[in-house]
Amino acid sequence: MKRVSPRLEQEISLLHTHICEGLGDPKRVLILYLLADGPCNVSELTEALKVSQPTVSHHLKVLRDRGLVRAEREGTSVYYSLTDFRIIEALDMLRAMLADILTHRASLMSANGIT
């Protein structure tokens, strides 16, 4: 009988708390992609996402609390940037998996005459 090791269980719990919960909203994922192109302030993110400033600030707080972005003050502005670009690599891999899954489902539907 297979068992989950306590270490793996603890690591998965931490992964969920620190990473997965941070990715739990599509706008937060979009923020990460925007920051992959370089640091942005709240106004720039608000304009790019077409959502309110309080909404962007909330999402940034969640991402900051989970260590996915950092804030740096420059004069009167605060600029946000990614703490680790590997998050984008991970997201790109998940997007590629999704594309493969959707392609496979579409081919199954086509093979069964479903359009």
Protein backbone atom coordinates (compact mmCIF):
# COMPACT_ATOMS: atom_id res chain seq x y z
CA MET A 1 0.00 0.00 0.00
CA LYS A 2 1.37 3.40 -0.97
CA ARG A 3 1.65 6.11 1.64
CA VAL A 4 2.26 9.81 1.52
CA SER A 5 5.36 10.76 3.45
CA PRO A 6 4.89 13.37 6.19
CA ARG A 7 7.55 15.52 4.52
CA LEU A 8 5.72 15.49 1.17
CA GLU A 9 2.45 16.27 2.90
CA GLN A 10 4.04 19.23 4.70
CA GLU A 11 5.68 20.50 1.50
CA ILE A 12 2.40 20.26 -0.42
CA SER A 13 0.60 22.11 2.35
CA LEU A 14 3.20 24.89 2.20
CA LEU A 15 3.05 24.92 -1.61
CA HIS A 16 -0.69 25.37 -1.46
CA THR A 17 -0.49 28.13 1.15
CA HIS A 18 2.33 30.09 -0.43
CA ILE A 19 1.90 29.53 -4.15
CA CYS A 20 -1.48 28.05 -5.08
CA GLU A 21 -3.53 30.44 -2.96
CA GLY A 22 -1.59 33.30 -4.51
CA LEU A 23 -2.55 32.04 -7.96
CA GLY A 24 -6.19 31.54 -6.94
CA ASP A 25 -7.50 34.51 -8.91
CA PRO A 26 -7.02 35.08 -12.66
CA LYS A 27 -6.24 38.78 -12.08
CA ARG A 28 -3.33 37.83 -9.82
CA VAL A 29 -1.95 35.56 -12.54
CA LEU A 30 -2.30 38.42 -15.03
CA ILE A 31 -0.45 40.71 -12.61
CA LEU A 32 2.41 38.21 -12.51
CA TYR A 33 2.58 38.18 -16.31
CA LEU A 34 2.54 41.98 -16.42
CA LEU A 35 5.37 42.12 -13.88
CA ALA A 36 7.37 39.62 -15.94
CA ASP A 37 7.83 42.48 -18.43
CA GLY A 38 9.26 44.73 -15.72
CA PRO A 39 8.30 46.58 -12.55
CA CYS A 40 4.94 48.40 -12.47
CA ASN A 41 3.17 50.68 -10.05
CA VAL A 42 -0.47 50.31 -9.00
CA SER A 43 -1.67 52.89 -11.53
CA GLU A 44 -0.02 51.05 -14.42
CA LEU A 45 -1.50 47.74 -13.30
CA THR A 46 -4.94 49.31 -12.79
CA GLU A 47 -4.89 50.67 -16.33
CA ALA A 48 -3.62 47.42 -17.87
CA LEU A 49 -6.16 45.23 -16.05
CA LYS A 50 -9.12 47.63 -16.31
CA VAL A 51 -10.04 47.12 -12.65
CA SER A 52 -10.20 49.48 -9.70
CA GLN A 53 -7.15 50.59 -7.73
CA PRO A 54 -8.42 48.96 -4.49
CA THR A 55 -8.82 45.66 -6.34
CA VAL A 56 -5.27 45.81 -7.71
CA SER A 57 -3.93 46.79 -4.28
CA HIS A 58 -5.71 43.82 -2.70
CA HIS A 59 -4.27 41.40 -5.26
CA LEU A 60 -0.79 42.86 -4.78
CA LYS A 61 -1.10 42.40 -1.02
CA VAL A 62 -1.99 38.73 -1.50
CA LEU A 63 0.94 38.25 -3.87
CA ARG A 64 3.31 40.12 -1.51
CA ASP A 65 2.15 38.15 1.52
CA ARG A 66 2.95 34.93 -0.34
CA GLY A 67 6.37 36.13 -1.46
CA LEU A 68 5.56 36.18 -5.17
CA VAL A 69 6.12 39.92 -5.65
CA ARG A 70 8.11 42.60 -3.87
CA ALA A 71 7.50 46.32 -3.48
CA GLU A 72 10.17 48.99 -3.79
CA ARG A 73 9.63 52.68 -3.22
CA GLU A 74 10.96 55.09 -5.83
CA GLY A 75 10.23 58.65 -4.76
CA THR A 76 6.49 58.88 -4.19
CA SER A 77 5.69 55.71 -6.17
CA VAL A 78 5.87 52.07 -5.19
CA TYR A 79 6.93 49.67 -7.91
CA TYR A 80 6.16 45.97 -7.82
CA SER A 81 8.27 43.24 -9.36
CA LEU A 82 8.49 39.46 -9.39
CA THR A 83 10.57 37.86 -6.68
CA ASP A 84 11.32 34.81 -8.83
CA PHE A 85 10.80 34.46 -12.59
CA ARG A 86 10.38 30.70 -12.23
CA ILE A 87 6.72 31.40 -11.42
CA ILE A 88 6.26 32.47 -15.06
CA GLU A 89 7.98 29.31 -16.28
CA ALA A 90 5.64 27.25 -14.08
CA LEU A 91 2.59 29.14 -15.36
CA ASP A 92 3.73 28.71 -18.96
CA MET A 93 4.10 24.97 -18.37
CA LEU A 94 0.58 24.79 -16.92
CA ARG A 95 -0.77 26.74 -19.91
CA ALA A 96 0.94 24.27 -22.27
CA MET A 97 -0.61 21.37 -20.36
CA LEU A 98 -4.02 23.01 -20.63
CA ALA A 99 -3.58 23.48 -24.38
CA ASP A 100 -2.71 19.77 -24.73
CA ILE A 101 -5.72 18.73 -22.64
CA LEU A 102 -8.07 20.91 -24.67
CA THR A 103 -6.61 19.64 -27.95
CA HIS A 104 -7.05 16.05 -26.79
CA ARG A 105 -10.66 16.66 -25.74
CA ALA A 106 -11.42 18.35 -29.06
CA SER A 107 -9.97 15.38 -30.97
CA LEU A 108 -12.09 12.96 -28.89
CA MET A 109 -15.21 14.99 -29.59
CA SER A 110 -14.36 15.13 -33.30
CA ALA A 111 -13.75 11.38 -33.43
CA ASN A 112 -17.17 10.82 -31.85
CA GLY A 113 -18.88 13.15 -34.31
CA ILE A 114 -19.52 15.82 -31.69
CA THR A 115 -18.99 19.39 -32.86
